[in-house]
């Protein structure tokens, strides 16, 4: 179900909790909302739709064809190649803001079947994941 995007910085600054099997509908709602906003957004975290759960969805361009990916309880376990950039956010009003990102990240997460995955991401996909993980950690750019 497509949800309304939250713009309240106080709510968005709260840290997200571990996602469980009871949160699978939140994951689907997040994906539905991201796809509905695909013209303006390439990634979302669950708090952006009102659920403080460690769930992110994003357009992953690291494979042969871009695909939407859901990650439950993602964590960056390695990062390299820091750089400065500017990013916008669907949930934050105003223009792009400066932030620091890493060119390459290794991420551990769970699938919607709660299988653990580890993958290295680079470039644009890595930047999106870092932005959404900031949301999970209550960090606003």
N, C-alpha and C. Protein backbone atom coordinates (compact mmCIF):
# COMPACT_ATOMS: atom_id res chain seq x y z
N UNK A 1 0.84 -1.17 0.00
CA UNK A 1 0.00 0.00 0.00
C UNK A 1 0.89 1.25 0.00
N UNK A 2 0.55 2.20 -0.83
CA UNK A 2 1.31 3.45 -0.91
C UNK A 2 0.99 4.29 0.33
N UNK A 3 2.04 4.74 1.00
CA UNK A 3 1.90 5.53 2.23
C UNK A 3 2.31 6.98 1.98
N UNK A 4 1.86 7.85 2.88
CA UNK A 4 2.24 9.25 2.83
C UNK A 4 3.69 9.39 3.31
N UNK A 5 4.45 10.26 2.66
CA UNK A 5 5.84 10.49 3.05
C UNK A 5 5.87 11.46 4.24
N UNK A 6 6.61 11.07 5.28
CA UNK A 6 6.75 11.86 6.50
C UNK A 6 7.78 12.97 6.28
N UNK A 7 7.45 14.18 6.74
CA UNK A 7 8.37 15.32 6.61
C UNK A 7 8.80 15.89 7.96
N UNK A 8 8.35 15.30 9.07
CA UNK A 8 8.62 15.80 10.41
C UNK A 8 10.06 15.47 10.82
N UNK A 9 10.95 16.48 10.91
CA UNK A 9 12.36 16.20 11.23
C UNK A 9 12.55 15.59 12.62
N UNK A 10 11.66 15.86 13.55
CA UNK A 10 11.79 15.28 14.89
C UNK A 10 11.54 13.77 14.82
N UNK A 11 10.50 13.37 14.10
CA UNK A 11 10.24 11.93 13.93
C UNK A 11 11.39 11.27 13.16
N UNK A 12 11.82 11.90 12.08
CA UNK A 12 12.87 11.33 11.24
C UNK A 12 14.21 11.22 11.96
N UNK A 13 14.43 12.02 13.01
CA UNK A 13 15.69 11.98 13.76
C UNK A 13 15.73 10.84 14.77
N UNK A 14 14.65 10.09 14.93
CA UNK A 14 14.64 8.96 15.85
C UNK A 14 15.30 7.74 15.22
N UNK A 15 16.01 6.95 16.04
CA UNK A 15 16.67 5.75 15.54
C UNK A 15 15.63 4.64 15.31
N UNK A 16 15.88 3.85 14.28
CA UNK A 16 14.99 2.75 13.93
C UNK A 16 15.34 1.49 14.70
N UNK A 17 14.33 0.64 14.88
CA UNK A 17 14.49 -0.62 15.60
C UNK A 17 14.67 -1.77 14.61
N UNK A 18 15.18 -2.88 15.10
CA UNK A 18 15.38 -4.08 14.29
C UNK A 18 14.04 -4.52 13.68
N UNK A 19 14.08 -4.88 12.40
CA UNK A 19 12.88 -5.38 11.72
C UNK A 19 12.73 -6.88 11.99
N UNK A 20 11.48 -7.30 12.15
CA UNK A 20 11.16 -8.72 12.39
C UNK A 20 10.15 -9.18 11.33
N UNK A 21 9.77 -10.45 11.41
CA UNK A 21 8.79 -10.99 10.45
C UNK A 21 7.46 -10.25 10.52
N UNK A 22 7.16 -9.65 11.66
CA UNK A 22 5.93 -8.87 11.79
C UNK A 22 5.97 -7.58 10.98
N UNK A 23 7.13 -7.22 10.48
CA UNK A 23 7.30 -5.97 9.73
C UNK A 23 7.33 -6.17 8.22
N UNK A 24 7.01 -7.35 7.74
CA UNK A 24 7.06 -7.59 6.29
C UNK A 24 6.08 -6.71 5.52
N UNK A 25 4.93 -6.38 6.12
CA UNK A 25 3.99 -5.49 5.44
C UNK A 25 4.58 -4.09 5.33
N UNK A 26 5.32 -3.65 6.34
CA UNK A 26 6.01 -2.36 6.27
C UNK A 26 6.97 -2.36 5.08
N UNK A 27 7.71 -3.46 4.91
CA UNK A 27 8.65 -3.56 3.80
C UNK A 27 7.93 -3.44 2.46
N UNK A 28 6.80 -4.12 2.33
CA UNK A 28 6.05 -4.05 1.07
C UNK A 28 5.49 -2.65 0.85
N UNK A 29 4.98 -2.03 1.91
CA UNK A 29 4.46 -0.65 1.80
C UNK A 29 5.58 0.31 1.39
N UNK A 30 6.77 0.10 1.93
CA UNK A 30 7.91 0.95 1.59
C UNK A 30 8.24 0.82 0.11
N UNK A 31 8.29 -0.41 -0.38
CA UNK A 31 8.58 -0.64 -1.79
C UNK A 31 7.49 -0.02 -2.68
N UNK A 32 6.23 -0.21 -2.30
CA UNK A 32 5.12 0.38 -3.06
C UNK A 32 5.23 1.89 -3.11
N UNK A 33 5.58 2.50 -1.98
CA UNK A 33 5.68 3.97 -1.90
C UNK A 33 6.86 4.47 -2.72
N UNK A 34 7.98 3.76 -2.67
CA UNK A 34 9.15 4.14 -3.47
C UNK A 34 8.80 4.10 -4.96
N UNK A 35 8.18 3.03 -5.40
CA UNK A 35 7.83 2.90 -6.82
C UNK A 35 6.85 3.99 -7.23
N UNK A 36 5.92 4.34 -6.34
CA UNK A 36 4.96 5.40 -6.64
C UNK A 36 5.64 6.76 -6.77
N UNK A 37 6.81 6.91 -6.14
CA UNK A 37 7.56 8.18 -6.17
C UNK A 37 8.82 8.08 -7.03
N UNK A 38 8.86 7.11 -7.95
CA UNK A 38 10.08 6.83 -8.72
C UNK A 38 10.57 8.01 -9.55
N UNK A 39 9.71 8.95 -9.89
CA UNK A 39 10.15 10.11 -10.67
C UNK A 39 10.96 11.09 -9.83
N UNK A 40 10.81 11.03 -8.50
CA UNK A 40 11.46 11.98 -7.60
C UNK A 40 12.40 11.33 -6.59
N UNK A 41 12.48 10.00 -6.58
CA UNK A 41 13.16 9.33 -5.47
C UNK A 41 13.75 7.99 -5.94
N UNK A 42 14.97 7.67 -5.46
CA UNK A 42 15.62 6.40 -5.80
C UNK A 42 15.80 5.48 -4.60
N UNK A 43 15.47 5.97 -3.42
CA UNK A 43 15.60 5.14 -2.22
C UNK A 43 14.77 5.70 -1.09
N UNK A 44 14.33 4.81 -0.20
CA UNK A 44 13.56 5.23 0.97
C UNK A 44 13.88 4.32 2.14
N UNK A 45 13.72 4.88 3.34
CA UNK A 45 13.82 4.10 4.58
C UNK A 45 12.44 4.08 5.22
N UNK A 46 12.18 3.06 6.03
CA UNK A 46 10.85 2.86 6.60
C UNK A 46 10.36 4.04 7.44
N UNK A 47 11.29 4.78 8.08
CA UNK A 47 10.81 5.91 8.87
C UNK A 47 10.19 6.99 7.99
N UNK A 48 10.52 6.99 6.71
CA UNK A 48 9.95 7.98 5.79
C UNK A 48 8.46 7.72 5.54
N UNK A 49 7.98 6.52 5.91
CA UNK A 49 6.54 6.23 5.80
C UNK A 49 5.93 5.99 7.18
N UNK A 50 6.65 6.44 8.22
CA UNK A 50 6.08 6.40 9.56
C UNK A 50 6.40 5.18 10.40
N UNK A 51 7.29 4.31 9.94
CA UNK A 51 7.64 3.10 10.70
C UNK A 51 9.12 3.16 11.07
N UNK A 52 9.42 3.19 12.35
CA UNK A 52 10.82 3.23 12.80
C UNK A 52 11.39 1.82 12.83
N UNK A 53 11.60 1.27 11.66
CA UNK A 53 12.16 -0.07 11.51
C UNK A 53 13.35 0.01 10.56
N UNK A 54 14.33 -0.87 10.76
CA UNK A 54 15.54 -0.88 9.94
C UNK A 54 15.24 -1.62 8.63
N UNK A 55 14.53 -0.91 7.75
CA UNK A 55 14.18 -1.43 6.44
C UNK A 55 14.44 -0.32 5.43
N UNK A 56 15.14 -0.67 4.34
CA UNK A 56 15.34 0.28 3.26
C UNK A 56 14.94 -0.36 1.94
N UNK A 57 14.56 0.49 0.99
CA UNK A 57 14.27 0.06 -0.37
C UNK A 57 14.96 1.04 -1.30
N UNK A 58 15.51 0.54 -2.40
CA UNK A 58 16.23 1.43 -3.31
C UNK A 58 16.31 0.83 -4.70
N UNK A 59 16.57 1.69 -5.66
CA UNK A 59 16.80 1.26 -7.03
C UNK A 59 18.27 0.89 -7.15
N UNK A 60 18.53 -0.41 -7.26
CA UNK A 60 19.89 -0.93 -7.30
C UNK A 60 20.35 -1.01 -8.75
N UNK A 61 21.35 -0.22 -9.09
CA UNK A 61 21.88 -0.20 -10.44
C UNK A 61 23.20 -0.95 -10.55
N UNK A 62 23.49 -1.82 -9.56
CA UNK A 62 24.79 -2.51 -9.56
C UNK A 62 24.79 -3.76 -10.44
N UNK A 63 23.64 -4.23 -10.86
CA UNK A 63 23.58 -5.44 -11.69
C UNK A 63 23.45 -5.10 -13.17
N UNK A 64 23.08 -6.10 -13.95
CA UNK A 64 22.92 -5.90 -15.39
C UNK A 64 21.76 -4.97 -15.72
N UNK A 65 20.69 -5.09 -14.95
CA UNK A 65 19.52 -4.22 -15.14
C UNK A 65 19.12 -3.65 -13.78
N UNK A 66 18.71 -2.39 -13.75
CA UNK A 66 18.28 -1.81 -12.47
C UNK A 66 17.09 -2.60 -11.89
N UNK A 67 17.15 -2.86 -10.58
CA UNK A 67 16.06 -3.56 -9.90
C UNK A 67 15.83 -2.91 -8.55
N UNK A 68 14.59 -2.99 -8.07
CA UNK A 68 14.29 -2.50 -6.74
C UNK A 68 14.69 -3.58 -5.73
N UNK A 69 15.37 -3.15 -4.69
CA UNK A 69 15.88 -4.05 -3.66
C UNK A 69 15.38 -3.63 -2.30
N UNK A 70 14.97 -4.60 -1.51
CA UNK A 70 14.60 -4.39 -0.11
C UNK A 70 15.69 -4.98 0.77
N UNK A 71 16.07 -4.23 1.80
CA UNK A 71 17.04 -4.74 2.79
C UNK A 71 16.44 -4.57 4.17
N UNK A 72 16.44 -5.64 4.94
CA UNK A 72 16.02 -5.59 6.33
C UNK A 72 17.26 -5.65 7.20
N UNK A 73 17.33 -4.79 8.16
CA UNK A 73 18.42 -4.72 9.13
C UNK A 73 19.80 -4.59 8.48
N UNK A 74 19.93 -3.69 7.50
CA UNK A 74 21.23 -3.53 6.84
C UNK A 74 22.25 -2.84 7.74
N UNK A 75 23.50 -3.27 7.57
CA UNK A 75 24.62 -2.66 8.29
C UNK A 75 25.81 -2.59 7.34
N UNK A 76 26.50 -1.47 7.36
CA UNK A 76 27.74 -1.35 6.60
C UNK A 76 28.85 -1.98 7.44
N UNK A 77 29.53 -2.97 6.87
CA UNK A 77 30.58 -3.65 7.62
C UNK A 77 31.98 -3.27 7.13
N UNK A 78 32.06 -2.56 6.01
CA UNK A 78 33.35 -2.07 5.51
C UNK A 78 33.07 -0.92 4.56
N UNK A 79 33.95 0.09 4.57
CA UNK A 79 33.78 1.23 3.67
C UNK A 79 35.14 1.79 3.30
N UNK A 80 35.22 2.32 2.07
CA UNK A 80 36.47 2.93 1.62
C UNK A 80 36.18 3.97 0.55
N UNK A 81 37.14 4.86 0.38
CA UNK A 81 37.04 5.89 -0.65
C UNK A 81 36.12 7.04 -0.28
N UNK A 82 36.38 7.75 0.83
CA UNK A 82 35.50 8.85 1.23
C UNK A 82 35.51 9.99 0.20
N UNK A 83 34.36 10.61 0.06
CA UNK A 83 34.25 11.79 -0.80
C UNK A 83 33.12 12.68 -0.30
N UNK A 84 33.16 13.94 -0.67
CA UNK A 84 32.11 14.90 -0.32
C UNK A 84 31.16 15.04 -1.49
N UNK A 85 29.86 15.16 -1.18
CA UNK A 85 28.85 15.30 -2.21
C UNK A 85 27.68 16.11 -1.66
N UNK A 86 26.66 16.27 -2.48
CA UNK A 86 25.41 16.92 -2.06
C UNK A 86 24.27 16.00 -2.41
N UNK A 87 23.27 15.94 -1.52
CA UNK A 87 22.11 15.08 -1.74
C UNK A 87 20.83 15.81 -1.37
N UNK A 88 19.78 15.45 -2.06
CA UNK A 88 18.44 15.89 -1.70
C UNK A 88 17.71 14.73 -1.06
N UNK A 89 16.52 15.01 -0.55
CA UNK A 89 15.74 13.97 0.11
C UNK A 89 14.26 14.27 -0.03
N UNK A 90 13.49 13.26 -0.39
CA UNK A 90 12.05 13.42 -0.55
C UNK A 90 11.38 13.84 0.75
N UNK A 91 11.93 13.42 1.88
CA UNK A 91 11.30 13.73 3.17
C UNK A 91 11.73 15.07 3.76
N UNK A 92 12.80 15.66 3.22
CA UNK A 92 13.29 16.93 3.75
C UNK A 92 13.03 18.04 2.74
N UNK A 93 12.46 19.10 3.23
CA UNK A 93 12.17 20.24 2.37
C UNK A 93 13.44 21.04 2.13
N UNK A 94 13.50 21.73 1.03
CA UNK A 94 14.68 22.52 0.71
C UNK A 94 15.56 21.81 -0.31
N UNK A 95 16.65 22.45 -0.64
CA UNK A 95 17.55 21.94 -1.67
C UNK A 95 18.53 20.92 -1.14
N UNK A 96 19.46 20.53 -2.01
CA UNK A 96 20.48 19.55 -1.63
C UNK A 96 21.34 20.05 -0.46
N UNK A 97 21.83 19.08 0.31
CA UNK A 97 22.68 19.37 1.46
C UNK A 97 24.00 18.62 1.31
N UNK A 98 25.07 19.20 1.85
CA UNK A 98 26.39 18.59 1.78
C UNK A 98 26.48 17.40 2.74
N UNK A 99 27.20 16.37 2.33
CA UNK A 99 27.41 15.20 3.19
C UNK A 99 28.65 14.44 2.72
N UNK A 100 29.13 13.51 3.55
CA UNK A 100 30.28 12.68 3.22
C UNK A 100 29.76 11.27 2.93
N UNK A 101 30.28 10.68 1.87
CA UNK A 101 29.93 9.31 1.50
C UNK A 101 31.20 8.53 1.19
N UNK A 102 31.03 7.23 0.96
CA UNK A 102 32.15 6.35 0.62
C UNK A 102 31.86 5.70 -0.73
N UNK A 103 32.88 5.63 -1.56
CA UNK A 103 32.73 5.09 -2.91
C UNK A 103 32.37 3.61 -2.89
N UNK A 104 32.95 2.85 -1.96
CA UNK A 104 32.71 1.40 -1.88
C UNK A 104 32.29 1.04 -0.47
N UNK A 105 31.22 0.25 -0.37
CA UNK A 105 30.76 -0.23 0.94
C UNK A 105 30.43 -1.72 0.84
N UNK A 106 30.67 -2.42 1.93
CA UNK A 106 30.24 -3.82 2.04
C UNK A 106 29.08 -3.82 3.04
N UNK A 107 27.96 -4.39 2.62
CA UNK A 107 26.74 -4.35 3.42
C UNK A 107 26.29 -5.77 3.76
N UNK A 108 25.89 -5.94 5.02
CA UNK A 108 25.25 -7.18 5.45
C UNK A 108 23.80 -6.85 5.76
N UNK A 109 22.87 -7.66 5.27
CA UNK A 109 21.44 -7.42 5.51
C UNK A 109 20.70 -8.74 5.45
N UNK A 110 19.39 -8.65 5.71
CA UNK A 110 18.51 -9.81 5.60
C UNK A 110 17.51 -9.57 4.49
N UNK A 111 17.18 -10.65 3.78
CA UNK A 111 16.15 -10.59 2.76
C UNK A 111 14.78 -10.64 3.44
N UNK A 112 13.72 -10.55 2.66
CA UNK A 112 12.37 -10.66 3.23
C UNK A 112 12.09 -12.09 3.71
N UNK A 113 12.96 -13.04 3.36
CA UNK A 113 12.86 -14.41 3.90
C UNK A 113 13.80 -14.58 5.10
N UNK A 114 14.42 -13.48 5.52
CA UNK A 114 15.35 -13.42 6.65
C UNK A 114 16.60 -14.27 6.44
N UNK A 115 17.03 -14.32 5.18
CA UNK A 115 18.32 -14.93 4.85
C UNK A 115 19.36 -13.81 4.86
N UNK A 116 20.51 -14.09 5.45
CA UNK A 116 21.57 -13.09 5.52
C UNK A 116 22.32 -13.03 4.20
N UNK A 117 22.57 -11.81 3.75
CA UNK A 117 23.33 -11.56 2.52
C UNK A 117 24.44 -10.57 2.82
N UNK A 118 25.53 -10.69 2.09
CA UNK A 118 26.64 -9.73 2.15
C UNK A 118 27.03 -9.42 0.72
N UNK A 119 27.14 -8.13 0.42
CA UNK A 119 27.50 -7.73 -0.94
C UNK A 119 28.26 -6.41 -0.88
N UNK A 120 29.17 -6.22 -1.81
CA UNK A 120 29.89 -4.97 -1.95
C UNK A 120 29.21 -4.12 -3.03
N UNK A 121 28.96 -2.87 -2.71
CA UNK A 121 28.34 -1.93 -3.63
C UNK A 121 29.30 -0.78 -3.87
N UNK A 122 29.25 -0.22 -5.08
CA UNK A 122 30.07 0.93 -5.42
C UNK A 122 29.21 1.99 -6.09
N UNK A 123 29.76 3.20 -6.16
CA UNK A 123 29.12 4.27 -6.91
C UNK A 123 27.75 4.67 -6.42
N UNK A 124 26.86 4.85 -7.38
CA UNK A 124 25.53 5.39 -7.10
C UNK A 124 24.73 4.52 -6.13
N UNK A 125 24.74 3.20 -6.33
CA UNK A 125 24.01 2.32 -5.41
C UNK A 125 24.55 2.43 -4.00
N UNK A 126 25.87 2.51 -3.87
CA UNK A 126 26.48 2.66 -2.54
C UNK A 126 26.04 3.97 -1.89
N UNK A 127 25.97 5.03 -2.67
CA UNK A 127 25.57 6.32 -2.13
C UNK A 127 24.12 6.28 -1.64
N UNK A 128 23.24 5.66 -2.40
CA UNK A 128 21.83 5.56 -2.00
C UNK A 128 21.71 4.77 -0.70
N UNK A 129 22.38 3.64 -0.61
CA UNK A 129 22.31 2.81 0.60
C UNK A 129 22.79 3.61 1.81
N UNK A 130 23.88 4.35 1.67
CA UNK A 130 24.39 5.15 2.79
C UNK A 130 23.37 6.19 3.23
N UNK A 131 22.71 6.83 2.27
CA UNK A 131 21.70 7.84 2.59
C UNK A 131 20.56 7.20 3.38
N UNK A 132 20.09 6.04 2.92
CA UNK A 132 18.96 5.38 3.60
C UNK A 132 19.37 4.84 4.96
N UNK A 133 20.60 4.37 5.10
CA UNK A 133 21.06 3.92 6.42
C UNK A 133 21.18 5.09 7.38
N UNK A 134 21.54 6.27 6.88
CA UNK A 134 21.50 7.45 7.74
C UNK A 134 20.10 7.64 8.31
N UNK A 135 19.08 7.48 7.47
CA UNK A 135 17.69 7.58 7.96
C UNK A 135 17.46 6.59 9.08
N UNK A 136 17.87 5.34 8.90
CA UNK A 136 17.67 4.32 9.94
C UNK A 136 18.35 4.70 11.25
N UNK A 137 19.45 5.42 11.14
CA UNK A 137 20.22 5.82 12.32
C UNK A 137 19.81 7.19 12.87
N UNK A 138 18.75 7.77 12.29
CA UNK A 138 18.27 9.07 12.78
C UNK A 138 19.12 10.24 12.34
N UNK A 139 19.93 10.04 11.30
CA UNK A 139 20.80 11.10 10.81
C UNK A 139 20.14 11.78 9.61
N UNK A 140 19.93 13.07 9.71
CA UNK A 140 19.36 13.83 8.60
C UNK A 140 20.48 14.58 7.90
N UNK A 141 20.52 14.51 6.59
CA UNK A 141 21.57 15.22 5.85
C UNK A 141 21.32 16.71 5.93
